[in-house]
Structure formats: structure tokens, C-alpha cells
Amino acid sequence: MECLPKEAALIAAHRGTSANYTEPENSISALERLIEAGIMMAEIDIAAIADGTPVIFHDGVWDYHTDNTGPVVSTSRETFAALRLIDTKGKVTTETVPTLAAMLDAAKDRIYLEVDFKTSSDMANVIAMIRDRDMADQVVLIATDDEEAVALSAYADEFLMSLPRAEKREKTQSKQGVWIGARWTDGGEKRIADRHYVIGAQWQKNPAQLPKAAAALDILVTDQAHRYAPVAELTKVAAFRNCLQAGNQTTG
């Protein structure tokens, strides 16, 4: 994050998509469209089916976003393979629910990921898969409370992760933390300073506050990735992209 201009912020597409897309949320097709649009980060959700396979899905049941029903966590591998995603128009597509492995392979060296762990997911397994692909510097891990932050830090100390009010954050004063909050309002800067939620914010429909949010935060998680990326000096992330590319060439 050292390369990111102070007055700018990265846009992370919530659930791996943007509100104007017809592609299913948390899908490979939506990820490809984000990459094509120049969005640099996708926020994705990791759950697990019955055999422990990590999959990319937000809800606890399949009912609203696939052509099947029932709990995600009790789904067999055979049933999972037969699932088909529903797009934002309510149409059943030919696209399968992606596994974490497939999503990581599609994203590697192309787009950054912000990972939200659902209760069915196995942190250790997920972290191992990211490490196996040498993607630790391409992934931000989300913890929504202190307990989850401490659990994550035991597995993934080298990752950028949210550690709100956690012991490590207090000791190091490092700029870590993903603020999963609601609508940005006046006073948001003070709330972030007080609670150490300093990397990202859930962004809703309040464009008048966008410049303040961009100055205070490094990542804005939003359903409106297509809408907010070009505004409030956020186009300056080009400098961030160039710096990252230079760093990758140096280390590669």
C-alpha cells in the first residue's frame, strides 16, 4: 500500500461484481469482466461444501443464486458439480459455482482479491491454497471482529489482513484493518482513527462523501465499482498500478 497516492483509494468490487453486470456474483465471468474494466480488486466470499472443498459463494444456502436449494455446507461434491449459477436477471446460466482453486487461478497476476471467510470455510486450508500459488502479496484477508483476526493471524502472519483493535495492531501501529461498515458519513475519519479500521470500508450510495473516504482509506468495498472508480481522484490508482508492476519486475 505504500505506493498508493494519499488522496486516492482502490475500489474493491463487492461479491466480485458490479451493480450494472448481468454476470452472477462471485463468478469467474464477473471476475473476467472486472479485469477487462480495469478494476484492480475483487472482494470474494469463501465457503465450503461437505467434503471441505473451498468454494466461492456468499449465502449459506444455494436457493437464491443457483438452480438448486439447500445448505452449502452439507452439499456433496456430485451435487455441487451439477449446480448452475443464476445471473442478476434471474436467468439460469451454464456457469458453475467456482471453487477457490479456480478463482485463484483466474485471478493470479491479474487482479487483487479481498477474501471474506464464511463460517463453513477452513482458514488453514484456504491460506495453504493461496500460498501454494504464491499469491500472499495479492490477497487481503478480512476479519470482521477481534476473534477472527486473532485466528487468522495464527495462519497467515505475512498477509495483509484486518486486525481491528487486536494486540498486534496495538503493538506495531501498522496500517492494518479492513473496515466493514455501512454508509460513509461526516465523522468517519474519527471513527476509523478510534477503531483502527483503516484499510477499507463498505461503500454505499453517498458520492458526496467519496473524496473524504478516499483520503482516509486505502480500499473502498462497493457494489458500484463501475461507478466510483473514475471519480474523486481515484483515477490516480494508475500510479499505484505502475509502482506494483515495477516491484513485480524487480522481484520477479
Protein backbone atom coordinates (compact mmCIF):
# COMPACT_ATOMS: atom_id res chain seq x y z
CA MET A 1 0.00 0.00 0.00
CA GLU A 2 3.00 2.34 0.22
CA CYS A 3 2.61 3.12 -3.49
CA LEU A 4 -1.00 4.27 -3.22
CA PRO A 5 -1.42 8.07 -3.53
CA LYS A 6 -2.67 9.53 -0.24
CA GLU A 7 -5.71 11.16 -1.78
CA ALA A 8 -6.76 8.08 -3.73
CA ALA A 9 -8.24 4.71 -2.89
CA LEU A 10 -8.55 1.34 -4.53
CA ILE A 11 -12.02 0.16 -5.44
CA ALA A 12 -12.85 -3.42 -4.45
CA ALA A 13 -15.86 -4.88 -6.22
CA HIS A 14 -18.21 -6.32 -3.57
CA ARG A 15 -19.02 -10.03 -4.11
CA GLY A 16 -16.73 -9.95 -7.12
CA THR A 17 -19.07 -7.96 -9.33
CA SER A 18 -20.61 -4.55 -10.02
CA ALA A 19 -24.23 -3.44 -9.94
CA ASN A 20 -24.52 -2.97 -13.68
CA TYR A 21 -23.32 -6.50 -14.53
CA THR A 22 -25.62 -9.34 -15.53
CA GLU A 23 -22.98 -11.95 -14.69
CA PRO A 24 -23.60 -13.88 -11.44
CA GLU A 25 -21.94 -12.55 -8.30
CA ASN A 26 -18.77 -14.37 -7.15
CA SER A 27 -18.38 -15.90 -10.59
CA ILE A 28 -15.45 -16.33 -12.96
CA SER A 29 -17.33 -14.48 -15.70
CA ALA A 30 -17.85 -11.46 -13.43
CA LEU A 31 -14.18 -11.56 -12.44
CA GLU A 32 -13.17 -11.51 -16.10
CA ARG A 33 -15.40 -8.50 -16.70
CA LEU A 34 -13.86 -6.65 -13.72
CA ILE A 35 -10.39 -7.31 -15.11
CA GLU A 36 -11.48 -6.10 -18.55
CA ALA A 37 -12.89 -2.92 -16.96
CA GLY A 38 -9.61 -2.20 -15.17
CA ILE A 39 -10.93 -2.78 -11.63
CA MET A 40 -7.90 -3.75 -9.55
CA MET A 41 -9.53 -5.60 -6.65
CA ALA A 42 -12.43 -8.01 -6.13
CA GLU A 43 -13.96 -8.83 -2.75
CA ILE A 44 -14.97 -12.51 -2.75
CA ASP A 45 -16.65 -14.88 -0.28
CA ILE A 46 -15.27 -18.32 0.62
CA ALA A 47 -17.50 -21.11 1.91
CA ALA A 48 -17.03 -24.91 1.89
CA ILE A 49 -19.11 -27.92 0.86
CA ALA A 50 -19.42 -31.22 2.74
CA ASP A 51 -16.01 -32.65 1.79
CA GLY A 52 -14.28 -29.40 2.78
CA THR A 53 -13.66 -28.10 -0.74
CA PRO A 54 -13.50 -24.28 -0.60
CA VAL A 55 -15.98 -22.65 -2.96
CA ILE A 56 -16.81 -19.06 -3.87
CA PHE A 57 -20.31 -18.30 -2.57
CA HIS A 58 -21.81 -15.75 -0.18
CA ASP A 59 -25.02 -17.22 1.22
CA GLY A 60 -25.46 -20.22 3.50
CA VAL A 61 -27.95 -21.82 1.10
CA TRP A 62 -28.00 -22.21 -2.66
CA ASP A 63 -31.63 -21.10 -3.01
CA TYR A 64 -31.33 -17.61 -4.49
CA HIS A 65 -28.21 -17.68 -6.65
CA THR A 66 -28.23 -21.18 -8.19
CA ASP A 67 -30.69 -23.61 -9.73
CA ASN A 68 -30.72 -25.75 -6.56
CA THR A 69 -31.64 -25.38 -2.89
CA GLY A 70 -30.32 -26.43 0.50
CA PRO A 71 -27.36 -25.70 2.78
CA VAL A 72 -23.98 -25.14 1.17
CA VAL A 73 -22.09 -26.93 3.96
CA SER A 74 -23.96 -30.23 3.52
CA THR A 75 -23.65 -30.39 -0.27
CA SER A 76 -21.87 -33.38 -1.79
CA ARG A 77 -19.20 -32.96 -4.45
CA GLU A 78 -21.50 -34.57 -7.03
CA THR A 79 -24.39 -32.20 -6.27
CA PHE A 80 -22.04 -29.23 -6.25
CA ALA A 81 -20.70 -30.10 -9.70
CA ALA A 82 -24.23 -30.06 -11.10
CA LEU A 83 -25.11 -26.59 -9.75
CA ARG A 84 -25.56 -23.73 -12.18
CA LEU A 85 -25.40 -20.06 -11.25
CA ILE A 86 -28.28 -17.61 -11.74
CA ASP A 87 -27.44 -14.22 -13.22
CA THR A 88 -28.69 -10.87 -11.93
CA LYS A 89 -31.69 -11.03 -14.28
CA GLY A 90 -32.84 -14.30 -12.70
CA LYS A 91 -31.75 -16.47 -15.59
CA VAL A 92 -30.10 -19.84 -15.02
CA THR A 93 -26.72 -19.83 -16.77
CA THR A 94 -24.39 -22.60 -17.89
CA GLU A 95 -21.76 -21.37 -15.40
CA THR A 96 -20.81 -23.48 -12.40
CA VAL A 97 -20.14 -22.21 -8.87
CA PRO A 98 -16.37 -21.66 -8.85
CA THR A 99 -14.08 -23.44 -6.47
CA LEU A 100 -11.49 -21.35 -4.67
CA ALA A 101 -8.82 -23.07 -6.74
CA ALA A 102 -10.47 -21.95 -9.98
CA MET A 103 -10.94 -18.38 -8.73
CA LEU A 104 -7.33 -18.09 -7.59
CA ASP A 105 -6.06 -19.45 -10.90
CA ALA A 106 -8.22 -16.95 -12.82
CA ALA A 107 -7.04 -14.04 -10.66
CA LYS A 108 -3.33 -14.79 -10.39
CA ASP A 109 -1.18 -11.87 -11.56
CA ARG A 110 -4.30 -10.17 -12.97
CA ILE A 111 -6.38 -8.74 -10.12
CA TYR A 112 -6.11 -8.39 -6.34
CA LEU A 113 -8.52 -10.26 -4.07
CA GLU A 114 -10.07 -9.33 -0.74
CA VAL A 115 -11.23 -12.52 0.98
CA ASP A 116 -14.24 -12.81 3.29
CA PHE A 117 -14.43 -16.09 5.21
CA LYS A 118 -17.89 -17.63 5.65
CA THR A 119 -18.43 -19.80 8.74
CA SER A 120 -18.15 -23.05 6.77
CA SER A 121 -14.69 -22.23 5.41
CA ASP A 122 -11.45 -23.66 6.79
CA MET A 123 -8.94 -20.83 7.25
CA ALA A 124 -5.87 -23.07 7.26
CA ASN A 125 -6.88 -24.81 4.03
CA VAL A 126 -7.67 -21.52 2.28
CA ILE A 127 -4.38 -19.95 3.35
CA ALA A 128 -2.45 -23.02 2.19
CA MET A 129 -4.05 -22.84 -1.25
CA ILE A 130 -3.16 -19.16 -1.60
CA ARG A 131 0.42 -19.81 -0.51
CA ASP A 132 0.75 -22.77 -2.91
CA ARG A 133 0.06 -20.36 -5.76
CA ASP A 134 2.49 -17.75 -4.41
CA MET A 135 -0.35 -15.24 -4.06
CA ALA A 136 0.12 -13.97 -0.49
CA ASP A 137 1.01 -10.50 -1.77
CA GLN A 138 -2.08 -10.45 -3.98
CA VAL A 139 -4.69 -11.18 -1.29
CA VAL A 140 -6.12 -9.15 1.61
CA LEU A 141 -7.79 -11.20 4.36
CA ILE A 142 -10.90 -9.83 6.05
CA ALA A 143 -11.61 -10.29 9.75
CA THR A 144 -14.86 -8.80 10.98
CA ASP A 145 -14.02 -8.99 14.70
CA ASP A 146 -11.08 -9.47 17.06
CA GLU A 147 -11.63 -13.21 17.47
CA GLU A 148 -11.47 -13.84 13.74
CA ALA A 149 -8.45 -11.54 13.41
CA VAL A 150 -6.51 -13.46 16.04
CA ALA A 151 -7.46 -16.79 14.44
CA LEU A 152 -6.31 -15.57 11.03
CA SER A 153 -3.01 -14.19 12.29
CA ALA A 154 -2.06 -17.65 13.54
CA TYR A 155 -2.19 -18.98 9.98
CA ALA A 156 -1.23 -16.03 7.82
CA ASP A 157 1.08 -13.60 9.52
CA GLU A 158 2.68 -12.44 6.27
CA PHE A 159 -0.66 -11.47 4.68
CA LEU A 160 -2.22 -8.05 4.75
CA MET A 161 -5.24 -8.59 6.97
CA SER A 162 -7.71 -6.75 9.12
CA LEU A 163 -6.79 -6.68 12.80
CA PRO A 164 -9.25 -4.28 14.43
CA ARG A 165 -8.14 -3.50 17.99
CA ALA A 166 -6.15 -6.73 18.08
CA GLU A 167 -2.95 -6.98 20.15
CA LYS A 168 -0.64 -7.00 17.14
CA ARG A 169 -2.21 -3.80 15.80
CA GLU A 170 -1.77 -2.03 19.13
CA LYS A 171 1.89 -3.03 19.41
CA THR A 172 3.07 -2.30 15.89
CA GLN A 173 0.81 0.64 14.99
CA SER A 174 0.88 -0.82 11.49
CA LYS A 175 -1.67 0.37 8.99
CA GLN A 176 -3.78 -2.75 9.02
CA GLY A 177 -7.50 -3.26 9.20
CA VAL A 178 -10.42 -3.65 6.83
CA TRP A 179 -13.37 -1.58 7.93
CA ILE A 180 -16.54 -3.47 7.04
CA GLY A 181 -19.02 -0.76 7.88
CA ALA A 182 -22.06 0.91 6.42
CA ARG A 183 -22.73 4.26 4.78
CA TRP A 184 -19.89 6.77 4.99
CA THR A 185 -20.93 9.94 6.83
CA ASP A 186 -19.24 13.00 8.29
CA GLY A 187 -17.02 11.95 11.18
CA GLY A 188 -15.98 8.75 9.50
CA GLU A 189 -12.32 9.71 9.71
CA LYS A 190 -12.51 9.94 13.50
CA ARG A 191 -14.33 6.60 13.78
CA ILE A 192 -11.60 4.97 11.74
CA ALA A 193 -8.85 6.53 13.87
CA ASP A 194 -10.58 5.45 17.08
CA ARG A 195 -11.22 1.88 16.00
CA HIS A 196 -8.19 1.32 13.74
CA TYR A 197 -10.32 0.25 10.80
CA VAL A 198 -8.08 1.96 8.30
CA ILE A 199 -7.79 0.00 5.07
CA GLY A 200 -11.27 -0.47 3.69
CA ALA A 201 -14.91 0.45 4.00
CA GLN A 202 -18.18 -0.90 2.75
CA TRP A 203 -19.23 1.80 0.31
CA GLN A 204 -22.84 2.62 -0.42
CA LYS A 205 -24.63 5.40 -2.28
CA ASN A 206 -23.12 8.55 -0.83
CA PRO A 207 -20.96 10.05 -3.59
CA ALA A 208 -20.68 13.45 -1.90
CA GLN A 209 -18.51 11.86 0.79
CA LEU A 210 -16.29 9.94 -1.62
CA PRO A 211 -13.32 12.36 -1.57
CA LYS A 212 -13.15 12.17 2.24
CA ALA A 213 -13.38 8.41 2.18
CA ALA A 214 -10.71 8.14 -0.50
CA ALA A 215 -8.34 10.30 1.55
CA ALA A 216 -8.94 8.34 4.77
CA LEU A 217 -8.93 4.80 3.38
CA ASP A 218 -6.88 2.64 1.06
CA ILE A 219 -9.70 0.35 -0.12
CA LEU A 220 -13.37 1.06 -0.68
CA VAL A 221 -15.55 -2.05 -0.99
CA THR A 222 -18.55 -1.23 -3.12
CA ASP A 223 -21.43 -2.66 -5.14
CA GLN A 224 -20.87 0.25 -7.54
CA ALA A 225 -17.32 -0.48 -8.71
CA HIS A 226 -18.11 0.66 -12.25
CA ARG A 227 -19.49 3.95 -10.95
CA TYR A 228 -16.93 5.07 -8.38
CA ALA A 229 -13.63 4.03 -9.91
CA PRO A 230 -13.25 7.13 -12.15
CA VAL A 231 -14.23 9.78 -9.58
CA ALA A 232 -12.73 11.70 -6.64
CA GLU A 233 -9.16 11.39 -7.86
CA LEU A 234 -9.44 7.60 -7.81
CA THR A 235 -8.02 7.56 -11.32
CA LYS A 236 -4.67 8.16 -9.63
CA VAL A 237 -4.52 4.47 -8.77
CA ALA A 238 -2.71 4.28 -12.11
CA ALA A 239 0.38 5.39 -10.17
CA PHE A 240 -0.24 2.54 -7.75
CA ARG A 241 -0.58 0.07 -10.61
CA ASN A 242 2.68 1.27 -12.17
CA CYS A 243 4.50 1.01 -8.84
CA LEU A 244 3.25 -2.54 -8.33
CA GLN A 245 4.28 -3.55 -11.82
CA ALA A 246 7.76 -2.13 -11.25
CA GLY A 247 8.02 -4.01 -7.96
CA ASN A 248 6.94 -7.25 -9.57
CA GLN A 249 9.56 -6.84 -12.30
CA THR A 250 12.23 -6.19 -9.69
CA THR A 251 11.34 -9.19 -7.51
CA GLY A 252 10.48 -11.48 -10.42
